[in-house]
Amino acid sequence: YREDFFAVVGDAWREWSSAMAQDFVSGVYAVCPI
């Protein structure tokens, strides 16, 4: 899902509310492997 996240993060940032976009970025980035 790391690749999928980076494929859609820009669209989510532009199209979603600020709060949802921030939660998405912070929450899903945490899924990315260390």
Full PDB file with SEQRES, HELIX, SHEET, SSBOND, CRYST1, ORIGX, SCALE, CONECT and MASTER records, all heavy atoms in Angstrom:
SEQRES   1 A   34  TYR ARG GLU ASP PHE PHE ALA VAL VAL GLY ASP ALA TRP          
SEQRES   2 A   34  ARG GLU TRP SER SER ALA MET ALA GLN ASP PHE VAL SER          
SEQRES   3 A   34  GLY VAL TYR ALA VAL CYS PRO ILE                              
HELIX    1 AA1 ARG A    2  GLU A   15  1                                  14    
HELIX    2 AA2 SER A   18  TYR A   29  1                                  12    
CRYST1    1.000    1.000    1.000  90.00  90.00  90.00 P 1           1          
ORIGX1      1.000000  0.000000  0.000000        0.00000                         
ORIGX2      0.000000  1.000000  0.000000        0.00000                         
ORIGX3      0.000000  0.000000  1.000000        0.00000                         
SCALE1      1.000000  0.000000  0.000000        0.00000                         
SCALE2      0.000000  1.000000  0.000000        0.00000                         
SCALE3      0.000000  0.000000  1.000000        0.00000                         
ATOM      1  N   TYR A   1       0.805  -1.225   0.000  1.00  0.00           N  
ATOM      2  CA  TYR A   1       0.000   0.000   0.000  1.00  0.00           C  
ATOM      3  C   TYR A   1       0.837   1.273   0.000  1.00  0.00           C  
ATOM      4  O   TYR A   1       0.311   2.350  -0.226  1.00  0.00           O  
ATOM      5  CB  TYR A   1      -0.972   0.004   1.186  1.00  0.00           C  
ATOM      6  CG  TYR A   1      -2.027  -1.049   1.033  1.00  0.00           C  
ATOM      7  CD1 TYR A   1      -1.916  -2.278   1.683  1.00  0.00           C  
ATOM      8  CD2 TYR A   1      -3.115  -0.833   0.204  1.00  0.00           C  
ATOM      9  CE1 TYR A   1      -2.879  -3.254   1.516  1.00  0.00           C  
ATOM     10  CE2 TYR A   1      -4.087  -1.808   0.040  1.00  0.00           C  
ATOM     11  CZ  TYR A   1      -3.955  -3.017   0.698  1.00  0.00           C  
ATOM     12  OH  TYR A   1      -4.910  -3.982   0.525  1.00  0.00           O  
ATOM     13  N   ARG A   2       2.128   1.148   0.236  1.00  0.00           N  
ATOM     14  CA  ARG A   2       3.003   2.328   0.208  1.00  0.00           C  
ATOM     15  C   ARG A   2       2.924   3.013  -1.151  1.00  0.00           C  
ATOM     16  O   ARG A   2       2.735   4.227  -1.237  1.00  0.00           O  
ATOM     17  CB  ARG A   2       4.438   1.928   0.550  1.00  0.00           C  
ATOM     18  CG  ARG A   2       5.408   3.104   0.514  1.00  0.00           C  
ATOM     19  CD  ARG A   2       6.822   2.706   0.892  1.00  0.00           C  
ATOM     20  NE  ARG A   2       7.247   1.518   0.173  1.00  0.00           N  
ATOM     21  CZ  ARG A   2       8.047   0.590   0.696  1.00  0.00           C  
ATOM     22  NH1 ARG A   2       8.514   0.692   1.912  1.00  0.00           N  
ATOM     23  NH2 ARG A   2       8.397  -0.458  -0.025  1.00  0.00           N  
ATOM     24  N   GLU A   3       3.042   2.253  -2.210  1.00  0.00           N  
ATOM     25  CA  GLU A   3       2.985   2.828  -3.558  1.00  0.00           C  
ATOM     26  C   GLU A   3       1.617   3.441  -3.836  1.00  0.00           C  
ATOM     27  O   GLU A   3       1.513   4.517  -4.431  1.00  0.00           O  
ATOM     28  CB  GLU A   3       3.333   1.773  -4.603  1.00  0.00           C  
ATOM     29  CG  GLU A   3       4.704   1.148  -4.436  1.00  0.00           C  
ATOM     30  CD  GLU A   3       5.850   2.138  -4.502  1.00  0.00           C  
ATOM     31  OE1 GLU A   3       5.767   3.111  -5.282  1.00  0.00           O  
ATOM     32  OE2 GLU A   3       6.835   1.937  -3.752  1.00  0.00           O  
ATOM     33  N   ASP A   4       0.568   2.749  -3.403  1.00  0.00           N  
ATOM     34  CA  ASP A   4      -0.788   3.268  -3.595  1.00  0.00           C  
ATOM     35  C   ASP A   4      -0.979   4.585  -2.853  1.00  0.00           C  
ATOM     36  O   ASP A   4      -1.619   5.508  -3.364  1.00  0.00           O  
ATOM     37  CB  ASP A   4      -1.829   2.255  -3.119  1.00  0.00           C  
ATOM     38  CG  ASP A   4      -1.860   0.992  -3.967  1.00  0.00           C  
ATOM     39  OD1 ASP A   4      -1.398   1.038  -5.124  1.00  0.00           O  
ATOM     40  OD2 ASP A   4      -2.340  -0.035  -3.460  1.00  0.00           O  
ATOM     41  N   PHE A   5      -0.444   4.662  -1.644  1.00  0.00           N  
ATOM     42  CA  PHE A   5      -0.554   5.881  -0.852  1.00  0.00           C  
ATOM     43  C   PHE A   5       0.046   7.067  -1.607  1.00  0.00           C  
ATOM     44  O   PHE A   5      -0.589   8.113  -1.760  1.00  0.00           O  
ATOM     45  CB  PHE A   5       0.148   5.706   0.497  1.00  0.00           C  
ATOM     46  CG  PHE A   5       0.318   6.984   1.268  1.00  0.00           C  
ATOM     47  CD1 PHE A   5      -0.763   7.598   1.867  1.00  0.00           C  
ATOM     48  CD2 PHE A   5       1.569   7.573   1.393  1.00  0.00           C  
ATOM     49  CE1 PHE A   5      -0.614   8.784   2.584  1.00  0.00           C  
ATOM     50  CE2 PHE A   5       1.729   8.743   2.103  1.00  0.00           C  
ATOM     51  CZ  PHE A   5       0.641   9.351   2.696  1.00  0.00           C  
ATOM     52  N   PHE A   6       1.259   6.894  -2.104  1.00  0.00           N  
ATOM     53  CA  PHE A   6       1.907   8.004  -2.800  1.00  0.00           C  
ATOM     54  C   PHE A   6       1.243   8.316  -4.145  1.00  0.00           C  
ATOM     55  O   PHE A   6       1.331   9.433  -4.630  1.00  0.00           O  
ATOM     56  CB  PHE A   6       3.410   7.747  -2.958  1.00  0.00           C  
ATOM     57  CG  PHE A   6       4.154   8.012  -1.686  1.00  0.00           C  
ATOM     58  CD1 PHE A   6       4.521   6.972  -0.853  1.00  0.00           C  
ATOM     59  CD2 PHE A   6       4.457   9.310  -1.301  1.00  0.00           C  
ATOM     60  CE1 PHE A   6       5.191   7.217   0.338  1.00  0.00           C  
ATOM     61  CE2 PHE A   6       5.121   9.572  -0.116  1.00  0.00           C  
ATOM     62  CZ  PHE A   6       5.482   8.519   0.707  1.00  0.00           C  
ATOM     63  N   ALA A   7       0.553   7.345  -4.705  1.00  0.00           N  
ATOM     64  CA  ALA A   7      -0.170   7.588  -5.959  1.00  0.00           C  
ATOM     65  C   ALA A   7      -1.398   8.472  -5.753  1.00  0.00           C  
ATOM     66  O   ALA A   7      -1.801   9.193  -6.666  1.00  0.00           O  
ATOM     67  CB  ALA A   7      -0.577   6.263  -6.600  1.00  0.00           C  
ATOM     68  N   VAL A   8      -1.995   8.440  -4.558  1.00  0.00           N  
ATOM     69  CA  VAL A   8      -3.243   9.178  -4.335  1.00  0.00           C  
ATOM     70  C   VAL A   8      -3.142  10.323  -3.335  1.00  0.00           C  
ATOM     71  O   VAL A   8      -4.067  11.112  -3.205  1.00  0.00           O  
ATOM     72  CB  VAL A   8      -4.378   8.229  -3.879  1.00  0.00           C  
ATOM     73  CG1 VAL A   8      -4.625   7.153  -4.924  1.00  0.00           C  
ATOM     74  CG2 VAL A   8      -4.114   7.643  -2.511  1.00  0.00           C  
ATOM     75  N   VAL A   9      -2.012  10.429  -2.633  1.00  0.00           N  
ATOM     76  CA  VAL A   9      -1.937  11.422  -1.554  1.00  0.00           C  
ATOM     77  C   VAL A   9      -2.139  12.853  -2.054  1.00  0.00           C  
ATOM     78  O   VAL A   9      -2.805  13.658  -1.404  1.00  0.00           O  
ATOM     79  CB  VAL A   9      -0.627  11.271  -0.744  1.00  0.00           C  
ATOM     80  CG1 VAL A   9       0.596  11.689  -1.553  1.00  0.00           C  
ATOM     81  CG2 VAL A   9      -0.715  12.058   0.553  1.00  0.00           C  
ATOM     82  N   GLY A  10      -1.618  13.182  -3.213  1.00  0.00           N  
ATOM     83  CA  GLY A  10      -1.800  14.527  -3.760  1.00  0.00           C  
ATOM     84  C   GLY A  10      -3.258  14.831  -4.070  1.00  0.00           C  
ATOM     85  O   GLY A  10      -3.755  15.928  -3.774  1.00  0.00           O  
ATOM     86  N   ASP A  11      -3.955  13.861  -4.654  1.00  0.00           N  
ATOM     87  CA  ASP A  11      -5.379  14.049  -4.953  1.00  0.00           C  
ATOM     88  C   ASP A  11      -6.191  14.198  -3.673  1.00  0.00           C  
ATOM     89  O   ASP A  11      -7.073  15.056  -3.588  1.00  0.00           O  
ATOM     90  CB  ASP A  11      -5.922  12.869  -5.763  1.00  0.00           C  
ATOM     91  CG  ASP A  11      -5.348  12.808  -7.165  1.00  0.00           C  
ATOM     92  OD1 ASP A  11      -4.896  13.863  -7.672  1.00  0.00           O  
ATOM     93  OD2 ASP A  11      -5.343  11.715  -7.746  1.00  0.00           O  
ATOM     94  N   ALA A  12      -5.904  13.361  -2.684  1.00  0.00           N  
ATOM     95  CA  ALA A  12      -6.622  13.458  -1.411  1.00  0.00           C  
ATOM     96  C   ALA A  12      -6.376  14.824  -0.774  1.00  0.00           C  
ATOM     97  O   ALA A  12      -7.304  15.447  -0.250  1.00  0.00           O  
ATOM     98  CB  ALA A  12      -6.184  12.339  -0.466  1.00  0.00           C  
ATOM     99  N   TRP A  13      -5.161  15.305  -0.856  1.00  0.00           N  
ATOM    100  CA  TRP A  13      -4.828  16.596  -0.268  1.00  0.00           C  
ATOM    101  C   TRP A  13      -5.617  17.728  -0.935  1.00  0.00           C  
ATOM    102  O   TRP A  13      -6.104  18.638  -0.270  1.00  0.00           O  
ATOM    103  CB  TRP A  13      -3.334  16.858  -0.375  1.00  0.00           C  
ATOM    104  CG  TRP A  13      -2.922  18.037   0.441  1.00  0.00           C  
ATOM    105  CD1 TRP A  13      -2.723  19.311   0.005  1.00  0.00           C  
ATOM    106  CD2 TRP A  13      -2.705  18.060   1.847  1.00  0.00           C  
ATOM    107  NE1 TRP A  13      -2.386  20.133   1.047  1.00  0.00           N  
ATOM    108  CE2 TRP A  13      -2.373  19.381   2.200  1.00  0.00           C  
ATOM    109  CE3 TRP A  13      -2.769  17.086   2.850  1.00  0.00           C  
ATOM    110  CZ2 TRP A  13      -2.087  19.765   3.503  1.00  0.00           C  
ATOM    111  CZ3 TRP A  13      -2.476  17.470   4.148  1.00  0.00           C  
ATOM    112  CH2 TRP A  13      -2.147  18.791   4.456  1.00  0.00           C  
ATOM    113  N   ARG A  14      -5.749  17.647  -2.242  1.00  0.00           N  
ATOM    114  CA  ARG A  14      -6.457  18.696  -2.989  1.00  0.00           C  
ATOM    115  C   ARG A  14      -7.972  18.614  -2.841  1.00  0.00           C  
ATOM    116  O   ARG A  14      -8.653  19.630  -2.779  1.00  0.00           O  
ATOM    117  CB  ARG A  14      -6.120  18.611  -4.475  1.00  0.00           C  
ATOM    118  CG  ARG A  14      -4.807  19.231  -4.864  1.00  0.00           C  
ATOM    119  CD  ARG A  14      -4.616  19.274  -6.377  1.00  0.00           C  
ATOM    120  NE  ARG A  14      -4.685  17.950  -6.997  1.00  0.00           N  
ATOM    121  CZ  ARG A  14      -3.675  17.079  -7.024  1.00  0.00           C  
ATOM    122  NH1 ARG A  14      -2.540  17.377  -6.453  1.00  0.00           N  
ATOM    123  NH2 ARG A  14      -3.815  15.920  -7.630  1.00  0.00           N  
ATOM    124  N   GLU A  15      -8.510  17.407  -2.792  1.00  0.00           N  
ATOM    125  CA  GLU A  15      -9.952  17.224  -2.910  1.00  0.00           C  
ATOM    126  C   GLU A  15     -10.685  17.059  -1.584  1.00  0.00           C  
ATOM    127  O   GLU A  15     -11.883  17.308  -1.524  1.00  0.00           O  
ATOM    128  CB  GLU A  15     -10.229  16.020  -3.807  1.00  0.00           C  
ATOM    129  CG  GLU A  15      -9.717  16.233  -5.223  1.00  0.00           C  
ATOM    130  CD  GLU A  15      -9.768  14.980  -6.068  1.00  0.00           C  
ATOM    131  OE1 GLU A  15     -10.380  13.982  -5.641  1.00  0.00           O  
ATOM    132  OE2 GLU A  15      -9.182  14.997  -7.170  1.00  0.00           O  
ATOM    133  N   TRP A  16     -10.018  16.644  -0.541  1.00  0.00           N  
ATOM    134  CA  TRP A  16     -10.682  16.381   0.728  1.00  0.00           C  
ATOM    135  C   TRP A  16     -10.599  17.610   1.623  1.00  0.00           C  
ATOM    136  O   TRP A  16      -9.809  18.520   1.387  1.00  0.00           O  
ATOM    137  CB  TRP A  16     -10.043  15.202   1.430  1.00  0.00           C  
ATOM    138  CG  TRP A  16     -10.227  13.891   0.717  1.00  0.00           C  
ATOM    139  CD1 TRP A  16     -10.856  13.672  -0.468  1.00  0.00           C  
ATOM    140  CD2 TRP A  16      -9.746  12.633   1.154  1.00  0.00           C  
ATOM    141  NE1 TRP A  16     -10.802  12.344  -0.788  1.00  0.00           N  
ATOM    142  CE2 TRP A  16     -10.125  11.681   0.179  1.00  0.00           C  
ATOM    143  CE3 TRP A  16      -9.026  12.202   2.242  1.00  0.00           C  
ATOM    144  CZ2 TRP A  16      -9.824  10.337   0.309  1.00  0.00           C  
ATOM    145  CZ3 TRP A  16      -8.714  10.864   2.366  1.00  0.00           C  
ATOM    146  CH2 TRP A  16      -9.128   9.938   1.403  1.00  0.00           C  
ATOM    147  N   SER A  17     -11.410  17.602   2.660  1.00  0.00           N  
ATOM    148  CA  SER A  17     -11.317  18.679   3.646  1.00  0.00           C  
ATOM    149  C   SER A  17      -9.939  18.641   4.283  1.00  0.00           C  
ATOM    150  O   SER A  17      -9.257  17.608   4.280  1.00  0.00           O  
ATOM    151  CB  SER A  17     -12.391  18.510   4.724  1.00  0.00           C  
ATOM    152  OG  SER A  17     -12.074  17.408   5.568  1.00  0.00           O  
ATOM    153  N   SER A  18      -9.545  19.757   4.847  1.00  0.00           N  
ATOM    154  CA  SER A  18      -8.224  19.848   5.473  1.00  0.00           C  
ATOM    155  C   SER A  18      -8.058  18.802   6.570  1.00  0.00           C  
ATOM    156  O   SER A  18      -7.027  18.128   6.644  1.00  0.00           O  
ATOM    157  CB  SER A  18      -8.024  21.256   6.039  1.00  0.00           C  
ATOM    158  OG  SER A  18      -6.801  21.340   6.714  1.00  0.00           O  
ATOM    159  N   ALA A  19      -9.052  18.663   7.422  1.00  0.00           N  
ATOM    160  CA  ALA A  19      -8.957  17.716   8.542  1.00  0.00           C  
ATOM    161  C   ALA A  19      -8.834  16.277   8.037  1.00  0.00           C  
ATOM    162  O   ALA A  19      -7.989  15.510   8.530  1.00  0.00           O  
ATOM    163  CB  ALA A  19     -10.168  17.857   9.455  1.00  0.00           C  
ATOM    164  N   MET A  20      -9.658  15.903   7.054  1.00  0.00           N  
ATOM    165  CA  MET A  20      -9.590  14.530   6.540  1.00  0.00           C  
ATOM    166  C   MET A  20      -8.274  14.279   5.818  1.00  0.00           C  
ATOM    167  O   MET A  20      -7.679  13.212   5.961  1.00  0.00           O  
ATOM    168  CB  MET A  20     -10.770  14.241   5.612  1.00  0.00           C  
ATOM    169  CG  MET A  20     -12.053  13.991   6.358  1.00  0.00           C  
ATOM    170  SD  MET A  20     -13.388  13.438   5.281  1.00  0.00           S  
ATOM    171  CE  MET A  20     -12.879  11.757   4.957  1.00  0.00           C  
ATOM    172  N   ALA A  21      -7.820  15.253   5.058  1.00  0.00           N  
ATOM    173  CA  ALA A  21      -6.560  15.087   4.341  1.00  0.00           C  
ATOM    174  C   ALA A  21      -5.398  14.926   5.319  1.00  0.00           C  
ATOM    175  O   ALA A  21      -4.534  14.064   5.121  1.00  0.00           O  
ATOM    176  CB  ALA A  21      -6.323  16.271   3.409  1.00  0.00           C  
ATOM    177  N   GLN A  22      -5.373  15.730   6.363  1.00  0.00           N  
ATOM    178  CA  GLN A  22      -4.304  15.615   7.356  1.00  0.00           C  
ATOM    179  C   GLN A  22      -4.357  14.266   8.067  1.00  0.00           C  
ATOM    180  O   GLN A  22      -3.315  13.626   8.268  1.00  0.00           O  
ATOM    181  CB  GLN A  22      -4.407  16.749   8.367  1.00  0.00           C  
ATOM    182  CG  GLN A  22      -4.007  18.084   7.789  1.00  0.00           C  
ATOM    183  CD  GLN A  22      -4.151  19.201   8.796  1.00  0.00           C  
ATOM    184  OE1 GLN A  22      -3.794  19.048   9.960  1.00  0.00           O  
ATOM    185  NE2 GLN A  22      -4.681  20.329   8.350  1.00  0.00           N  
ATOM    186  N   ASP A  23      -5.558  13.828   8.439  1.00  0.00           N  
ATOM    187  CA  ASP A  23      -5.693  12.517   9.079  1.00  0.00           C  
ATOM    188  C   ASP A  23      -5.243  11.406   8.141  1.00  0.00           C  
ATOM    189  O   ASP A  23      -4.577  10.458   8.562  1.00  0.00           O  
ATOM    190  CB  ASP A  23      -7.148  12.265   9.498  1.00  0.00           C  
ATOM    191  CG  ASP A  23      -7.557  13.090  10.701  1.00  0.00           C  
ATOM    192  OD1 ASP A  23      -6.675  13.650  11.394  1.00  0.00           O  
ATOM    193  OD2 ASP A  23      -8.780  13.177  10.949  1.00  0.00           O  
ATOM    194  N   PHE A  24      -5.600  11.518   6.866  1.00  0.00           N  
ATOM    195  CA  PHE A  24      -5.201  10.509   5.883  1.00  0.00           C  
ATOM    196  C   PHE A  24      -3.679  10.449   5.756  1.00  0.00           C  
ATOM    197  O   PHE A  24      -3.080   9.379   5.839  1.00  0.00           O  
ATOM    198  CB  PHE A  24      -5.840  10.817   4.530  1.00  0.00           C  
ATOM    199  CG  PHE A  24      -5.396   9.885   3.430  1.00  0.00           C  
ATOM    200  CD1 PHE A  24      -5.858   8.584   3.388  1.00  0.00           C  
ATOM    201  CD2 PHE A  24      -4.530  10.327   2.443  1.00  0.00           C  
ATOM    202  CE1 PHE A  24      -5.456   7.718   2.374  1.00  0.00           C  
ATOM    203  CE2 PHE A  24      -4.124   9.475   1.430  1.00  0.00           C  
ATOM    204  CZ  PHE A  24      -4.581   8.163   1.389  1.00  0.00           C  
ATOM    205  N   VAL A  25      -3.064  11.606   5.582  1.00  0.00           N  
ATOM    206  CA  VAL A  25      -1.608  11.631   5.400  1.00  0.00           C  
ATOM    207  C   VAL A  25      -0.905  11.056   6.624  1.00  0.00           C  
ATOM    208  O   VAL A  25      -0.061  10.168   6.505  1.00  0.00           O  
ATOM    209  CB  VAL A  25      -1.112  13.062   5.093  1.00  0.00           C  
ATOM    210  CG1 VAL A  25       0.410  13.121   5.080  1.00  0.00           C  
ATOM    211  CG2 VAL A  25      -1.677  13.544   3.763  1.00  0.00           C  
ATOM    212  N   SER A  26      -1.256  11.551   7.791  1.00  0.00           N  
ATOM    213  CA  SER A  26      -0.592  11.090   9.010  1.00  0.00           C  
ATOM    214  C   SER A  26      -0.914   9.628   9.316  1.00  0.00           C  
ATOM    215  O   SER A  26      -0.020   8.859   9.671  1.00  0.00           O  
ATOM    216  CB  SER A  26      -1.003  11.961  10.194  1.00  0.00           C  
ATOM    217  OG  SER A  26      -0.604  13.294   9.978  1.00  0.00           O  
ATOM    218  N   GLY A  27      -2.166   9.258   9.169  1.00  0.00           N  
ATOM    219  CA  GLY A  27      -2.579   7.901   9.500  1.00  0.00           C  
ATOM    220  C   GLY A  27      -2.056   6.849   8.551  1.00  0.00           C  
ATOM    221  O   GLY A  27      -1.590   5.795   8.974  1.00  0.00           O  
ATOM    222  N   VAL A  28      -2.127   7.132   7.265  1.00  0.00           N  
ATOM    223  CA  VAL A  28      -1.701   6.121   6.296  1.00  0.00           C  
ATOM    224  C   VAL A  28      -0.187   6.092   6.159  1.00  0.00           C  
ATOM    225  O   VAL A  28       0.387   5.026   5.937  1.00  0.00           O  
ATOM    226  CB  VAL A  28      -2.402   6.318   4.933  1.00  0.00           C  
ATOM    227  CG1 VAL A  28      -1.924   5.298   3.920  1.00  0.00           C  
ATOM    228  CG2 VAL A  28      -3.911   6.211   5.108  1.00  0.00           C  
ATOM    229  N   TYR A  29       0.479   7.210   6.342  1.00  0.00           N  
ATOM    230  CA  TYR A  29       1.946   7.169   6.303  1.00  0.00           C  
ATOM    231  C   TYR A  29       2.464   6.248   7.391  1.00  0.00           C  
ATOM    232  O   TYR A  29       3.462   5.554   7.199  1.00  0.00           O  
ATOM    233  CB  TYR A  29       2.553   8.566   6.453  1.00  0.00           C  
ATOM    234  CG  TYR A  29       4.020   8.576   6.083  1.00  0.00           C  
ATOM    235  CD1 TYR A  29       4.421   8.843   4.779  1.00  0.00           C  
ATOM    236  CD2 TYR A  29       5.003   8.278   7.013  1.00  0.00           C  
ATOM    237  CE1 TYR A  29       5.748   8.820   4.414  1.00  0.00           C  
ATOM    238  CE2 TYR A  29       6.343   8.255   6.663  1.00  0.00           C  
ATOM    239  CZ  TYR A  29       6.712   8.527   5.369  1.00  0.00           C  
ATOM    240  OH  TYR A  29       8.032   8.491   5.003  1.00  0.00           O  
ATOM    241  N   ALA A  30       1.763   6.195   8.518  1.00  0.00           N  
ATOM    242  CA  ALA A  30       2.165   5.309   9.607  1.00  0.00           C  
ATOM    243  C   ALA A  30       2.099   3.842   9.191  1.00  0.00           C  
ATOM    244  O   ALA A  30       2.752   2.997   9.795  1.00  0.00           O  
ATOM    245  CB  ALA A  30       1.285   5.551  10.832  1.00  0.00           C  
ATOM    246  N   VAL A  31       1.326   3.525   8.161  1.00  0.00           N  
ATOM    247  CA  VAL A  31       1.234   2.161   7.653  1.00  0.00           C  
ATOM    248  C   VAL A  31       2.491   1.790   6.870  1.00  0.00           C  
ATOM    249  O   VAL A  31       2.868   0.621   6.807  1.00  0.00           O  
ATOM    250  CB  VAL A  31      -0.020   2.001   6.756  1.00  0.00           C  
ATOM    251  CG1 VAL A  31      -0.051   0.655   6.081  1.00  0.00           C  
ATOM    252  CG2 VAL A  31      -1.276   2.217   7.578  1.00  0.00           C  
ATOM    253  N   CYS A  32       3.139   2.776   6.293  1.00  0.00           N  
ATOM    254  CA  CYS A  32       4.335   2.499   5.498  1.00  0.00           C  
ATOM    255  C   CYS A  32       5.380   1.815   6.372  1.00  0.00           C  
ATOM    256  O   CYS A  32       5.602   2.205   7.516  1.00  0.00           O  
ATOM    257  CB  CYS A  32       4.908   3.794   4.925  1.00  0.00           C  
ATOM    258  SG  CYS A  32       3.852   4.600   3.717  1.00  0.00           S  
ATOM    259  N   PRO A  33       6.029   0.794   5.840  1.00  0.00           N  
ATOM    260  CA  PRO A  33       7.018   0.069   6.626  1.00  0.00           C  
ATOM    261  C   PRO A  33       8.174   0.968   7.061  1.00  0.00           C  
ATOM    262  O   PRO A  33       8.549   1.909   6.373  1.00  0.00           O  
ATOM    263  CB  PRO A  33       7.526  -1.007   5.669  1.00  0.00           C  
ATOM    264  CG  PRO A  33       6.494  -1.119   4.618  1.00  0.00           C  
ATOM    265  CD  PRO A  33       5.849   0.227   4.514  1.00  0.00           C  
ATOM    266  N   ILE A  34       8.726   0.645   8.208  1.00  0.00           N  
ATOM    267  CA  ILE A  34       9.921   1.334   8.681  1.00  0.00           C  
ATOM    268  C   ILE A  34      11.083   0.706   7.926  1.00  0.00           C  
ATOM    269  O   ILE A  34      11.572  -0.370   8.277  1.00  0.00           O  
ATOM    270  CB  ILE A  34      10.063   1.191  10.203  1.00  0.00           C  
ATOM    271  CG1 ILE A  34       8.896   1.894  10.865  1.00  0.00           C  
ATOM    272  CG2 ILE A  34      11.394   1.753  10.681  1.00  0.00           C  
ATOM    273  CD1 ILE A  34       8.782   1.686  12.348  1.00  0.00           C  
TER     274      ILE A  34                                                      
MASTER        0    0    0    2    0    0    0    6  273    1    0    3          
END                                                                             
